C-alpha cells in the first residue's frame, strides 16, 4: 500500500469508517456511509463518504463513475429521509476550495434558505 493511501485512510473519515470514532450514521451500504456533520452549517448537514479512500473528486476517473453516481443517489435519499424539499450538494475539491478532509465526501445541506453564490 502506498504512503498516500495509508495517509488517506488515516483521515477522520477513515477512522469513522473503521468505527474508531462514533458517527450518527443515517445510511450505510457496501459502497458508502452517510452521517450527520458534527459541525453543521445548516439545520440539516449530512456527509456521504465512499468506503474507498479516494482523496478528492480530482482523484477519480471513469472507473469511478458508478460509485460517484451512487454517492449522489444516496445524497438524494438521505435528503428525502431527512424531510428536505430542497437541498444543496457540495463537493469541495482541494484546499483552495475549502476541502479540509482529504477523503472524498458529499455535503448535503438544507433546512434553511440557502444563498447564491455560496461563498
PDB file of N, CA and C in Angstrom:
ATOM      1  N   UNK A   1       0.854  -1.180   0.000  1.00  0.00           N
ATOM      2  CA  UNK A   1       0.000   0.000   0.000  1.00  0.00           C
ATOM      3  C   UNK A   1       0.895   1.237   0.000  1.00  0.00           C
ATOM      4  N   UNK A   2       0.554   2.221  -0.803  1.00  0.00           N
ATOM      5  CA  UNK A   2       1.374   3.420  -0.901  1.00  0.00           C
ATOM      6  C   UNK A   2       1.224   4.274   0.352  1.00  0.00           C
ATOM      7  N   UNK A   3       2.228   5.144   0.589  1.00  0.00           N
ATOM      8  CA  UNK A   3       2.148   6.063   1.719  1.00  0.00           C
ATOM      9  C   UNK A   3       0.924   6.958   1.595  1.00  0.00           C
ATOM     10  N   UNK A   4       0.598   7.362   0.341  1.00  0.00           N
ATOM     11  CA  UNK A   4      -0.557   8.236   0.130  1.00  0.00           C
ATOM     12  C   UNK A   4      -1.839   7.545   0.591  1.00  0.00           C
ATOM     13  N   UNK A   5      -2.022   6.277   0.235  1.00  0.00           N
ATOM     14  CA  UNK A   5      -3.227   5.565   0.657  1.00  0.00           C
ATOM     15  C   UNK A   5      -3.252   5.400   2.167  1.00  0.00           C
ATOM     16  N   UNK A   6      -2.106   5.105   2.769  1.00  0.00           N
ATOM     17  CA  UNK A   6      -2.063   4.964   4.218  1.00  0.00           C
ATOM     18  C   UNK A   6      -2.485   6.261   4.885  1.00  0.00           C
ATOM     19  N   UNK A   7      -1.950   7.389   4.416  1.00  0.00           N
ATOM     20  CA  UNK A   7      -2.348   8.685   4.976  1.00  0.00           C
ATOM     21  C   UNK A   7      -3.834   8.933   4.737  1.00  0.00           C
ATOM     22  N   UNK A   8      -4.321   8.576   3.555  1.00  0.00           N
ATOM     23  CA  UNK A   8      -5.723   8.781   3.229  1.00  0.00           C
ATOM     24  C   UNK A   8      -6.623   8.024   4.197  1.00  0.00           C
ATOM     25  N   UNK A   9      -6.285   6.805   4.499  1.00  0.00           N
ATOM     26  CA  UNK A   9      -7.113   6.007   5.402  1.00  0.00           C
ATOM     27  C   UNK A   9      -7.035   6.512   6.832  1.00  0.00           C
ATOM     28  N   UNK A  10      -6.023   7.333   7.151  1.00  0.00           N
ATOM     29  CA  UNK A  10      -5.869   7.865   8.499  1.00  0.00           C
ATOM     30  C   UNK A  10      -6.617   9.170   8.709  1.00  0.00           C
ATOM     31  N   UNK A  11      -7.419   9.602   7.760  1.00  0.00           N
ATOM     32  CA  UNK A  11      -8.227  10.805   7.967  1.00  0.00           C
ATOM     33  C   UNK A  11      -9.301  10.502   8.998  1.00  0.00           C
ATOM     34  N   UNK A  12      -9.953  11.541   9.461  1.00  0.00           N
ATOM     35  CA  UNK A  12     -11.055  11.353  10.406  1.00  0.00           C
ATOM     36  C   UNK A  12     -12.143  10.475   9.788  1.00  0.00           C
ATOM     37  N   UNK A  13     -12.355  10.575   8.467  1.00  0.00           N
ATOM     38  CA  UNK A  13     -13.370   9.733   7.834  1.00  0.00           C
ATOM     39  C   UNK A  13     -12.936   8.282   7.790  1.00  0.00           C
ATOM     40  N   UNK A  14     -11.655   8.034   7.578  1.00  0.00           N
ATOM     41  CA  UNK A  14     -11.154   6.666   7.652  1.00  0.00           C
ATOM     42  C   UNK A  14     -11.378   6.080   9.037  1.00  0.00           C
ATOM     43  N   UNK A  15     -11.162   6.890  10.052  1.00  0.00           N
ATOM     44  CA  UNK A  15     -11.372   6.436  11.434  1.00  0.00           C
ATOM     45  C   UNK A  15     -12.857   6.196  11.711  1.00  0.00           C
ATOM     46  N   UNK A  16     -13.727   7.012  11.150  1.00  0.00           N
ATOM     47  CA  UNK A  16     -15.178   6.786  11.284  1.00  0.00           C
ATOM     48  C   UNK A  16     -15.557   5.481  10.600  1.00  0.00           C
ATOM     49  N   UNK A  17     -15.048   5.268   9.394  1.00  0.00           N
ATOM     50  CA  UNK A  17     -15.358   4.031   8.665  1.00  0.00           C
ATOM     51  C   UNK A  17     -14.929   2.792   9.451  1.00  0.00           C
ATOM     52  N   UNK A  18     -13.796   2.872  10.131  1.00  0.00           N
ATOM     53  CA  UNK A  18     -13.299   1.732  10.910  1.00  0.00           C
ATOM     54  C   UNK A  18     -13.987   1.614  12.266  1.00  0.00           C
ATOM     55  N   UNK A  19     -14.842   2.562  12.624  1.00  0.00           N
ATOM     56  CA  UNK A  19     -15.543   2.512  13.898  1.00  0.00           C
ATOM     57  C   UNK A  19     -14.726   3.031  15.069  1.00  0.00           C
ATOM     58  N   UNK A  20     -13.604   3.675  14.796  1.00  0.00           N
ATOM     59  CA  UNK A  20     -12.761   4.217  15.858  1.00  0.00           C
ATOM     60  C   UNK A  20     -13.324   5.508  16.430  1.00  0.00           C
ATOM     61  N   UNK A  21     -14.094   6.227  15.622  1.00  0.00           N
ATOM     62  CA  UNK A  21     -14.751   7.461  16.040  1.00  0.00           C
ATOM     63  C   UNK A  21     -16.240   7.269  15.779  1.00  0.00           C
ATOM     64  N   UNK A  22     -17.085   7.546  16.776  1.00  0.00           N
ATOM     65  CA  UNK A  22     -18.520   7.382  16.543  1.00  0.00           C
ATOM     66  C   UNK A  22     -19.060   8.443  15.589  1.00  0.00           C
ATOM     67  N   UNK A  23     -20.090   8.077  14.876  1.00  0.00           N
ATOM     68  CA  UNK A  23     -20.783   9.000  13.983  1.00  0.00           C
ATOM     69  C   UNK A  23     -22.265   8.661  14.015  1.00  0.00           C
ATOM     70  N   UNK A  24     -23.084   9.683  13.875  1.00  0.00           N
ATOM     71  CA  UNK A  24     -24.534   9.495  13.831  1.00  0.00           C
ATOM     72  C   UNK A  24     -24.901   9.100  12.399  1.00  0.00           C
ATOM     73  N   UNK A  25     -24.794   7.806  12.120  1.00  0.00           N
ATOM     74  CA  UNK A  25     -25.000   7.292  10.766  1.00  0.00           C
ATOM     75  C   UNK A  25     -26.484   7.286  10.405  1.00  0.00           C
ATOM     76  N   UNK A  26     -26.768   7.745   9.186  1.00  0.00           N
ATOM     77  CA  UNK A  26     -28.146   7.760   8.696  1.00  0.00           C
ATOM     78  C   UNK A  26     -28.322   6.818   7.507  1.00  0.00           C
ATOM     79  N   UNK A  27     -27.208   6.299   6.989  1.00  0.00           N
ATOM     80  CA  UNK A  27     -27.250   5.363   5.859  1.00  0.00           C
ATOM     81  C   UNK A  27     -25.938   4.596   5.850  1.00  0.00           C
ATOM     82  N   UNK A  28     -26.043   3.337   5.443  1.00  0.00           N
ATOM     83  CA  UNK A  28     -24.850   2.522   5.326  1.00  0.00           C
ATOM     84  C   UNK A  28     -25.115   1.436   4.294  1.00  0.00           C
ATOM     85  N   UNK A  29     -24.181   1.255   3.371  1.00  0.00           N
ATOM     86  CA  UNK A  29     -24.262   0.150   2.420  1.00  0.00           C
ATOM     87  C   UNK A  29     -22.845  -0.293   2.092  1.00  0.00           C
ATOM     88  N   UNK A  30     -22.713  -1.169   1.120  1.00  0.00           N
ATOM     89  CA  UNK A  30     -21.384  -1.721   0.831  1.00  0.00           C
ATOM     90  C   UNK A  30     -20.450  -0.722   0.149  1.00  0.00           C
ATOM     91  N   UNK A  31     -20.969   0.397  -0.371  1.00  0.00           N
ATOM     92  CA  UNK A  31     -20.138   1.375  -1.071  1.00  0.00           C
ATOM     93  C   UNK A  31     -19.869   2.650  -0.282  1.00  0.00           C
ATOM     94  N   UNK A  32     -20.776   2.987   0.645  1.00  0.00           N
ATOM     95  CA  UNK A  32     -20.635   4.275   1.330  1.00  0.00           C
ATOM     96  C   UNK A  32     -21.380   4.282   2.655  1.00  0.00           C
ATOM     97  N   UNK A  33     -21.121   5.345   3.415  1.00  0.00           N
ATOM     98  CA  UNK A  33     -21.924   5.628   4.597  1.00  0.00           C
ATOM     99  C   UNK A  33     -22.317   7.099   4.533  1.00  0.00           C
ATOM    100  N   UNK A  34     -23.372   7.449   5.247  1.00  0.00           N
ATOM    101  CA  UNK A  34     -23.788   8.841   5.399  1.00  0.00           C
ATOM    102  C   UNK A  34     -24.040   9.081   6.878  1.00  0.00           C
ATOM    103  N   UNK A  35     -23.650  10.263   7.323  1.00  0.00           N
ATOM    104  CA  UNK A  35     -23.800  10.582   8.742  1.00  0.00           C
ATOM    105  C   UNK A  35     -23.961  12.088   8.907  1.00  0.00           C
ATOM    106  N   UNK A  36     -24.407  12.479  10.105  1.00  0.00           N
ATOM    107  CA  UNK A  36     -24.604  13.892  10.409  1.00  0.00           C
ATOM    108  C   UNK A  36     -23.248  14.557  10.661  1.00  0.00           C
ATOM    109  N   UNK A  37     -23.060  15.746  10.084  1.00  0.00           N
ATOM    110  CA  UNK A  37     -21.830  16.506  10.285  1.00  0.00           C
ATOM    111  C   UNK A  37     -21.797  17.008  11.733  1.00  0.00           C
ATOM    112  N   UNK A  38     -20.653  16.899  12.390  1.00  0.00           N
ATOM    113  CA  UNK A  38     -20.545  17.352  13.779  1.00  0.00           C
ATOM    114  C   UNK A  38     -20.397  18.871  13.878  1.00  0.00           C
ATOM    115  N   UNK A  39     -20.138  19.537  12.757  1.00  0.00           N
ATOM    116  CA  UNK A  39     -20.077  20.998  12.710  1.00  0.00           C
ATOM    117  C   UNK A  39     -21.041  21.481  11.632  1.00  0.00           C
ATOM    118  N   UNK A  40     -22.348  21.299  11.871  1.00  0.00           N
ATOM    119  CA  UNK A  40     -23.333  21.599  10.822  1.00  0.00           C
ATOM    120  C   UNK A  40     -23.364  23.075  10.446  1.00  0.00           C
ATOM    121  N   UNK A  41     -23.518  23.303   9.144  1.00  0.00           N
ATOM    122  CA  UNK A  41     -23.633  24.653   8.597  1.00  0.00           C
ATOM    123  C   UNK A  41     -25.082  25.012   8.292  1.00  0.00           C
ATOM    124  N   UNK A  42     -26.001  24.125   8.615  1.00  0.00           N
ATOM    125  CA  UNK A  42     -27.436  24.326   8.403  1.00  0.00           C
ATOM    126  C   UNK A  42     -28.160  23.351   9.329  1.00  0.00           C
ATOM    127  N   UNK A  43     -29.473  23.516   9.507  1.00  0.00           N
ATOM    128  CA  UNK A  43     -30.206  22.586  10.360  1.00  0.00           C
ATOM    129  C   UNK A  43     -30.015  21.121   9.969  1.00  0.00           C
ATOM    130  N   UNK A  44     -29.904  20.854   8.674  1.00  0.00           N
ATOM    131  CA  UNK A  44     -29.567  19.505   8.204  1.00  0.00           C
ATOM    132  C   UNK A  44     -28.252  19.610   7.455  1.00  0.00           C
ATOM    133  N   UNK A  45     -27.264  18.875   7.933  1.00  0.00           N
ATOM    134  CA  UNK A  45     -25.956  18.845   7.265  1.00  0.00           C
ATOM    135  C   UNK A  45     -25.432  17.424   7.396  1.00  0.00           C
ATOM    136  N   UNK A  46     -25.530  16.694   6.301  1.00  0.00           N
ATOM    137  CA  UNK A  46     -25.112  15.297   6.251  1.00  0.00           C
ATOM    138  C   UNK A  46     -23.896  15.163   5.355  1.00  0.00           C
ATOM    139  N   UNK A  47     -23.116  14.130   5.584  1.00  0.00           N
ATOM    140  CA  UNK A  47     -21.969  13.825   4.744  1.00  0.00           C
ATOM    141  C   UNK A  47     -22.124  12.419   4.198  1.00  0.00           C
ATOM    142  N   UNK A  48     -21.861  12.259   2.928  1.00  0.00           N
ATOM    143  CA  UNK A  48     -21.877  10.949   2.279  1.00  0.00           C
ATOM    144  C   UNK A  48     -20.444  10.671   1.841  1.00  0.00           C
ATOM    145  N   UNK A  49     -19.871   9.570   2.336  1.00  0.00           N
ATOM    146  CA  UNK A  49     -18.475   9.263   2.020  1.00  0.00           C
ATOM    147  C   UNK A  49     -18.359   7.845   1.471  1.00  0.00           C
ATOM    148  N   UNK A  50     -17.496   7.671   0.489  1.00  0.00           N
ATOM    149  CA  UNK A  50     -17.274   6.317  -0.015  1.00  0.00           C
ATOM    150  C   UNK A  50     -16.420   5.518   0.959  1.00  0.00           C
ATOM    151  N   UNK A  51     -16.594   4.219   0.939  1.00  0.00           N
ATOM    152  CA  UNK A  51     -15.732   3.359   1.753  1.00  0.00           C
ATOM    153  C   UNK A  51     -14.316   3.331   1.195  1.00  0.00           C
ATOM    154  N   UNK A  52     -14.182   3.488  -0.135  1.00  0.00           N
ATOM    155  CA  UNK A  52     -12.861   3.554  -0.747  1.00  0.00           C
ATOM    156  C   UNK A  52     -12.197   4.867  -0.363  1.00  0.00           C
ATOM    157  N   UNK A  53     -10.913   4.840  -0.035  1.00  0.00           N
ATOM    158  CA  UNK A  53     -10.221   6.056   0.410  1.00  0.00           C
ATOM    159  C   UNK A  53      -9.768   6.945  -0.743  1.00  0.00           C
ATOM    160  N   UNK A  54     -10.711   7.540  -1.443  1.00  0.00           N
ATOM    161  CA  UNK A  54     -10.387   8.469  -2.526  1.00  0.00           C
ATOM    162  C   UNK A  54     -10.167   9.853  -1.927  1.00  0.00           C
ATOM    163  N   UNK A  55      -9.045  10.498  -2.213  1.00  0.00           N
ATOM    164  CA  UNK A  55      -8.761  11.775  -1.566  1.00  0.00           C
ATOM    165  C   UNK A  55      -9.665  12.929  -2.001  1.00  0.00           C
ATOM    166  N   UNK A  56     -10.129  12.912  -3.247  1.00  0.00           N
ATOM    167  CA  UNK A  56     -10.968  14.015  -3.727  1.00  0.00           C
ATOM    168  C   UNK A  56     -11.592  13.619  -5.055  1.00  0.00           C
ATOM    169  N   UNK A  57     -12.483  14.461  -5.534  1.00  0.00           N
ATOM    170  CA  UNK A  57     -13.087  14.234  -6.840  1.00  0.00           C
ATOM    171  C   UNK A  57     -12.023  14.270  -7.935  1.00  0.00           C
ATOM    172  N   UNK A  58     -10.985  15.068  -7.747  1.00  0.00           N
ATOM    173  CA  UNK A  58      -9.912  15.158  -8.745  1.00  0.00           C
ATOM    174  C   UNK A  58      -9.159  13.841  -8.901  1.00  0.00           C
ATOM    175  N   UNK A  59      -9.213  12.983  -7.908  1.00  0.00           N
ATOM    176  CA  UNK A  59      -8.516  11.693  -7.968  1.00  0.00           C
ATOM    177  C   UNK A  59      -9.335  10.628  -8.692  1.00  0.00           C
ATOM    178  N   UNK A  60     -10.564  10.958  -9.048  1.00  0.00           N
ATOM    179  CA  UNK A  60     -11.451   9.984  -9.693  1.00  0.00           C
ATOM    180  C   UNK A  60     -11.232   9.954 -11.197  1.00  0.00           C
ATOM    181  N   UNK A  61     -11.602   8.831 -11.789  1.00  0.00           N
ATOM    182  CA  UNK A  61     -11.541   8.688 -13.243  1.00  0.00           C
ATOM    183  C   UNK A  61     -12.779   7.912 -13.685  1.00  0.00           C
ATOM    184  N   UNK A  62     -12.822   7.521 -14.932  1.00  0.00           N
ATOM    185  CA  UNK A  62     -14.022   6.866 -15.457  1.00  0.00           C
ATOM    186  C   UNK A  62     -14.339   5.561 -14.735  1.00  0.00           C
ATOM    187  N   UNK A  63     -13.354   4.941 -14.114  1.00  0.00           N
ATOM    188  CA  UNK A  63     -13.638   3.701 -13.377  1.00  0.00           C
ATOM    189  C   UNK A  63     -14.456   3.961 -12.110  1.00  0.00           C
ATOM    190  N   UNK A  64     -14.560   5.217 -11.706  1.00  0.00           N
ATOM    191  CA  UNK A  64     -15.318   5.579 -10.509  1.00  0.00           C
ATOM    192  C   UNK A  64     -16.735   6.070 -10.833  1.00  0.00           C
ATOM    193  N   UNK A  65     -17.137   6.018 -12.083  1.00  0.00           N
ATOM    194  CA  UNK A  65     -18.431   6.586 -12.489  1.00  0.00           C
ATOM    195  C   UNK A  65     -19.597   5.993 -11.710  1.00  0.00           C
ATOM    196  N   UNK A  66     -19.639   4.686 -11.564  1.00  0.00           N
ATOM    197  CA  UNK A  66     -20.759   4.062 -10.841  1.00  0.00           C
ATOM    198  C   UNK A  66     -20.755   4.483  -9.379  1.00  0.00           C
ATOM    199  N   UNK A  67     -19.589   4.539  -8.771  1.00  0.00           N
ATOM    200  CA  UNK A  67     -19.501   4.961  -7.369  1.00  0.00           C
ATOM    201  C   UNK A  67     -19.965   6.400  -7.209  1.00  0.00           C
ATOM    202  N   UNK A  68     -19.521   7.279  -8.085  1.00  0.00           N
ATOM    203  CA  UNK A  68     -19.922   8.687  -7.995  1.00  0.00           C
ATOM    204  C   UNK A  68     -21.431   8.845  -8.157  1.00  0.00           C
ATOM    205  N   UNK A  69     -22.005   8.120  -9.094  1.00  0.00           N
ATOM    206  CA  UNK A  69     -23.461   8.144  -9.251  1.00  0.00           C
ATOM    207  C   UNK A  69     -24.155   7.635  -8.007  1.00  0.00           C
ATOM    208  N   UNK A  70     -23.620   6.578  -7.423  1.00  0.00           N
ATOM    209  CA  UNK A  70     -24.201   6.017  -6.200  1.00  0.00           C
ATOM    210  C   UNK A  70     -24.162   7.036  -5.060  1.00  0.00           C
ATOM    211  N   UNK A  71     -23.037   7.746  -4.909  1.00  0.00           N
ATOM    212  CA  UNK A  71     -22.934   8.747  -3.853  1.00  0.00           C
ATOM    213  C   UNK A  71     -24.006   9.820  -4.008  1.00  0.00           C
ATOM    214  N   UNK A  72     -24.255  10.256  -5.243  1.00  0.00           N
ATOM    215  CA  UNK A  72     -25.279  11.279  -5.463  1.00  0.00           C
ATOM    216  C   UNK A  72     -26.684  10.739  -5.214  1.00  0.00           C
ATOM    217  N   UNK A  73     -26.933   9.497  -5.600  1.00  0.00           N
ATOM    218  CA  UNK A  73     -28.246   8.898  -5.318  1.00  0.00           C
ATOM    219  C   UNK A  73     -28.463   8.731  -3.819  1.00  0.00           C
ATOM    220  N   UNK A  74     -27.427   8.352  -3.097  1.00  0.00           N
ATOM    221  CA  UNK A  74     -27.540   8.250  -1.642  1.00  0.00           C
ATOM    222  C   UNK A  74     -27.761   9.638  -1.046  1.00  0.00           C
ATOM    223  N   UNK A  75     -27.077  10.653  -1.576  1.00  0.00           N
ATOM    224  CA  UNK A  75     -27.293  12.015  -1.095  1.00  0.00           C
ATOM    225  C   UNK A  75     -28.766  12.410  -1.232  1.00  0.00           C
ATOM    226  N   UNK A  76     -29.363  12.103  -2.372  1.00  0.00           N
ATOM    227  CA  UNK A  76     -30.778  12.412  -2.585  1.00  0.00           C
ATOM    228  C   UNK A  76     -31.663  11.612  -1.623  1.00  0.00           C
ATOM    229  N   UNK A  77     -31.320  10.357  -1.386  1.00  0.00           N
ATOM    230  CA  UNK A  77     -32.120   9.511  -0.490  1.00  0.00           C
ATOM    231  C   UNK A  77     -32.065  10.031   0.942  1.00  0.00           C
ATOM    232  N   UNK A  78     -30.854  10.380   1.445  1.00  0.00           N
ATOM    233  CA  UNK A  78     -30.766  10.838   2.835  1.00  0.00           C
ATOM    234  C   UNK A  78     -31.395  12.217   2.988  1.00  0.00           C
ATOM    235  N   UNK A  79     -31.351  13.046   1.944  1.00  0.00           N
ATOM    236  CA  UNK A  79     -32.032  14.339   1.987  1.00  0.00           C
ATOM    237  C   UNK A  79     -33.544  14.133   2.102  1.00  0.00           C
ATOM    238  N   UNK A  80     -34.080  13.225   1.300  1.00  0.00           N
ATOM    239  CA  UNK A  80     -35.519  12.931   1.368  1.00  0.00           C
ATOM    240  C   UNK A  80     -35.884  12.336   2.725  1.00  0.00           C
ATOM    241  N   UNK A  81     -35.051  11.418   3.220  1.00  0.00           N
ATOM    242  CA  UNK A  81     -35.310  10.812   4.524  1.00  0.00           C
ATOM    243  C   UNK A  81     -35.288  11.849   5.642  1.00  0.00           C
ATOM    244  N   UNK A  82     -34.507  12.918   5.465  1.00  0.00           N
ATOM    245  CA  UNK A  82     -34.435  13.993   6.455  1.00  0.00           C
ATOM    246  C   UNK A  82     -35.585  14.980   6.308  1.00  0.00           C
ATOM    247  N   UNK A  83     -36.449  14.751   5.309  1.00  0.00           N
ATOM    248  CA  UNK A  83     -37.611  15.610   5.110  1.00  0.00           C
ATOM    249  C   UNK A  83     -37.323  16.884   4.337  1.00  0.00           C
ATOM    250  N   UNK A  84     -36.199  16.942   3.663  1.00  0.00           N
ATOM    251  CA  UNK A  84     -35.860  18.148   2.916  1.00  0.00           C
ATOM    252  C   UNK A  84     -36.615  18.185   1.594  1.00  0.00           C
ATOM    253  N   UNK A  85     -37.201  19.338   1.288  1.00  0.00           N
ATOM    254  CA  UNK A  85     -37.852  19.528  -0.009  1.00  0.00           C
ATOM    255  C   UNK A  85     -36.866  20.087  -1.020  1.00  0.00           C
ATOM    256  N   UNK A  86     -35.857  20.766  -0.526  1.00  0.00           N
ATOM    257  CA  UNK A  86     -34.775  21.307  -1.343  1.00  0.00           C
ATOM    258  C   UNK A  86     -33.503  21.239  -0.522  1.00  0.00           C
ATOM    259  N   UNK A  87     -32.394  21.038  -1.205  1.00  0.00           N
ATOM    260  CA  UNK A  87     -31.117  20.940  -0.503  1.00  0.00           C
ATOM    261  C   UNK A  87     -30.003  21.253  -1.474  1.00  0.00           C
ATOM    262  N   UNK A  88     -28.833  21.434  -0.922  1.00  0.00           N
ATOM    263  CA  UNK A  88     -27.645  21.673  -1.740  1.00  0.00           C
ATOM    264  C   UNK A  88     -26.686  20.520  -1.521  1.00  0.00           C
ATOM    265  N   UNK A  89     -26.077  20.049  -2.606  1.00  0.00           N
ATOM    266  CA  UNK A  89     -24.985  19.090  -2.503  1.00  0.00           C
ATOM    267  C   UNK A  89     -23.708  19.845  -2.875  1.00  0.00           C
ATOM    268  N   UNK A  90     -22.667  19.599  -2.093  1.00  0.00           N
ATOM    269  CA  UNK A  90     -21.396  20.285  -2.295  1.00  0.00           C
ATOM    270  C   UNK A  90     -20.281  19.257  -2.213  1.00  0.00           C
ATOM    271  N   UNK A  91     -19.354  19.333  -3.169  1.00  0.00           N
ATOM    272  CA  UNK A  91     -18.122  18.549  -3.119  1.00  0.00           C
ATOM    273  C   UNK A  91     -16.975  19.544  -3.256  1.00  0.00           C
ATOM    274  N   UNK A  92     -16.295  19.819  -2.158  1.00  0.00           N
ATOM    275  CA  UNK A  92     -15.123  20.692  -2.196  1.00  0.00           C
ATOM    276  C   UNK A  92     -13.931  19.861  -2.684  1.00  0.00           C
ATOM    277  N   UNK A  93     -13.191  20.395  -3.617  1.00  0.00           N
ATOM    278  CA  UNK A  93     -12.041  19.673  -4.177  1.00  0.00           C
ATOM    279  C   UNK A  93     -10.811  20.550  -4.068  1.00  0.00           C
ATOM    280  N   UNK A  94      -9.916  20.179  -3.185  1.00  0.00           N
ATOM    281  CA  UNK A  94      -8.683  20.924  -2.969  1.00  0.00           C
ATOM    282  C   UNK A  94      -8.815  21.932  -1.845  1.00  0.00           C
ATOM    283  N   UNK A  95      -7.687  22.204  -1.201  1.00  0.00           N
ATOM    284  CA  UNK A  95      -7.663  23.115  -0.062  1.00  0.00           C
ATOM    285  C   UNK A  95      -8.165  24.509  -0.433  1.00  0.00           C
ATOM    286  N   UNK A  96      -7.831  24.999  -1.634  1.00  0.00           N
ATOM    287  CA  UNK A  96      -8.249  26.334  -2.043  1.00  0.00           C
ATOM    288  C   UNK A  96      -9.776  26.424  -2.169  1.00  0.00           C
ATOM    289  N   UNK A  97     -10.442  25.295  -2.375  1.00  0.00           N
ATOM    290  CA  UNK A  97     -11.902  25.258  -2.478  1.00  0.00           C
ATOM    291  C   UNK A  97     -12.560  24.964  -1.136  1.00  0.00           C
ATOM    292  N   UNK A  98     -11.770  24.823  -0.080  1.00  0.00           N
ATOM    293  CA  UNK A  98     -12.327  24.592   1.246  1.00  0.00           C
ATOM    294  C   UNK A  98     -12.306  23.152   1.706  1.00  0.00           C
ATOM    295  N   UNK A  99     -11.691  22.251   0.940  1.00  0.00           N
ATOM    296  CA  UNK A  99     -11.618  20.859   1.381  1.00  0.00           C
ATOM    297  C   UNK A  99     -10.646  20.767   2.549  1.00  0.00           C
ATOM    298  N   UNK A 100     -11.113  20.237   3.677  1.00  0.00           N
ATOM    299  CA  UNK A 100     -10.267  20.112   4.864  1.00  0.00           C
ATOM    300  C   UNK A 100      -9.981  18.658   5.220  1.00  0.00           C
ATOM    301  N   UNK A 101     -10.823  17.740   4.759  1.00  0.00           N
ATOM    302  CA  UNK A 101     -10.583  16.314   4.971  1.00  0.00           C
ATOM    303  C   UNK A 101     -10.374  15.701   3.588  1.00  0.00           C
ATOM    304  N   UNK A 102      -9.215  15.115   3.382  1.00  0.00           N
ATOM    305  CA  UNK A 102      -8.876  14.606   2.053  1.00  0.00           C
ATOM    306  C   UNK A 102      -9.293  13.148   1.897  1.00  0.00           C
ATOM    307  N   UNK A 103     -10.604  12.996   1.985  1.00  0.00           N
ATOM    308  CA  UNK A 103     -11.337  11.762   1.693  1.00  0.00           C
ATOM    309  C   UNK A 103     -12.603  12.280   1.024  1.00  0.00           C
ATOM    310  N   UNK A 104     -12.824  11.903  -0.216  1.00  0.00           N
ATOM    311  CA  UNK A 104     -13.973  12.395  -0.969  1.00  0.00           C
ATOM    312  C   UNK A 104     -15.230  12.353  -0.111  1.00  0.00           C
ATOM    313  N   UNK A 105     -15.991  13.441  -0.121  1.00  0.00           N
ATOM    314  CA  UNK A 105     -17.251  13.471   0.613  1.00  0.00           C
ATOM    315  C   UNK A 105     -18.210  14.467  -0.028  1.00  0.00           C
ATOM    316  N   UNK A 106     -19.483  14.111   0.052  1.00  0.00           N
ATOM    317  CA  UNK A 106     -20.558  14.943  -0.477  1.00  0.00           C
ATOM    318  C   UNK A 106     -21.307  15.534   0.704  1.00  0.00           C
ATOM    319  N   UNK A 107     -21.346  16.861   0.772  1.00  0.00           N
ATOM    320  CA  UNK A 107     -22.151  17.543   1.786  1.00  0.00           C
ATOM    321  C   UNK A 107     -23.585  17.605   1.278  1.00  0.00           C
ATOM    322  N   UNK A 108     -24.536  17.329   2.143  1.00  0.00           N
ATOM    323  CA  UNK A 108     -25.964  17.504   1.864  1.00  0.00           C
ATOM    324  C   UNK A 108     -26.444  18.520   2.891  1.00  0.00           C
ATOM    325  N   UNK A 109     -26.813  19.704   2.416  1.00  0.00           N
ATOM    326  CA  UNK A 109     -27.106  20.827   3.303  1.00  0.00           C
ATOM    327  C   UNK A 109     -28.510  21.348   3.014  1.00  0.00           C
ATOM    328  N   UNK A 110     -29.300  21.544   4.067  1.00  0.00           N
ATOM    329  CA  UNK A 110     -30.654  22.079   3.871  1.00  0.00           C
ATOM    330  C   UNK A 110     -31.314  22.394   5.188  1.00  0.00           C
ATOM    331  N   UNK A 111     -32.597  22.678   5.097  1.00  0.00           N
ATOM    332  CA  UNK A 111     -33.369  23.011   6.286  1.00  0.00           C
ATOM    333  C   UNK A 111     -33.456  24.494   6.565  1.00  0.00           C
ATOM    334  N   UNK A 112     -32.903  25.302   5.669  1.00  0.00           N
ATOM    335  CA  UNK A 112     -32.996  26.756   5.739  1.00  0.00           C
ATOM    336  C   UNK A 112     -32.771  27.297   4.330  1.00  0.00           C
ATOM    337  N   UNK A 113     -33.177  28.543   4.075  1.00  0.00           N
ATOM    338  CA  UNK A 113     -32.895  29.119   2.754  1.00  0.00           C
ATOM    339  C   UNK A 113     -31.387  29.207   2.534  1.00  0.00           C
ATOM    340  N   UNK A 114     -30.946  28.827   1.361  1.00  0.00           N
ATOM    341  CA  UNK A 114     -29.522  28.844   1.014  1.00  0.00           C
ATOM    342  C   UNK A 114     -29.278  29.939  -0.011  1.00  0.00           C
ATOM    343  N   UNK A 115     -28.276  30.756   0.225  1.00  0.00           N
ATOM    344  CA  UNK A 115     -27.972  31.890  -0.642  1.00  0.00           C
ATOM    345  C   UNK A 115     -27.115  31.464  -1.826  1.00  0.00           C
ATOM    346  N   UNK A 116     -27.154  32.273  -2.881  1.00  0.00           N
ATOM    347  CA  UNK A 116     -26.298  32.047  -4.047  1.00  0.00           C
ATOM    348  C   UNK A 116     -25.707  33.376  -4.467  1.00  0.00           C
ATOM    349  N   UNK A 117     -24.442  33.505  -4.765  1.00  0.00           N
ATOM    350  CA  UNK A 117     -23.456  32.428  -4.746  1.00  0.00           C
ATOM    351  C   UNK A 117     -23.106  32.020  -3.324  1.00  0.00           C
ATOM    352  N   UNK A 118     -22.603  30.789  -3.157  1.00  0.00           N
ATOM    353  CA  UNK A 118     -22.385  30.252  -1.826  1.00  0.00           C
ATOM    354  C   UNK A 118     -21.192  30.838  -1.089  1.00  0.00           C
ATOM    355  N   UNK A 119     -20.236  31.438  -1.731  1.00  0.00           N
ATOM    356  CA  UNK A 119     -19.123  31.943  -0.945  1.00  0.00           C
ATOM    357  C   UNK A 119     -18.092  32.492  -1.787  1.00  0.00           C
TER     358      UNK A 119
END
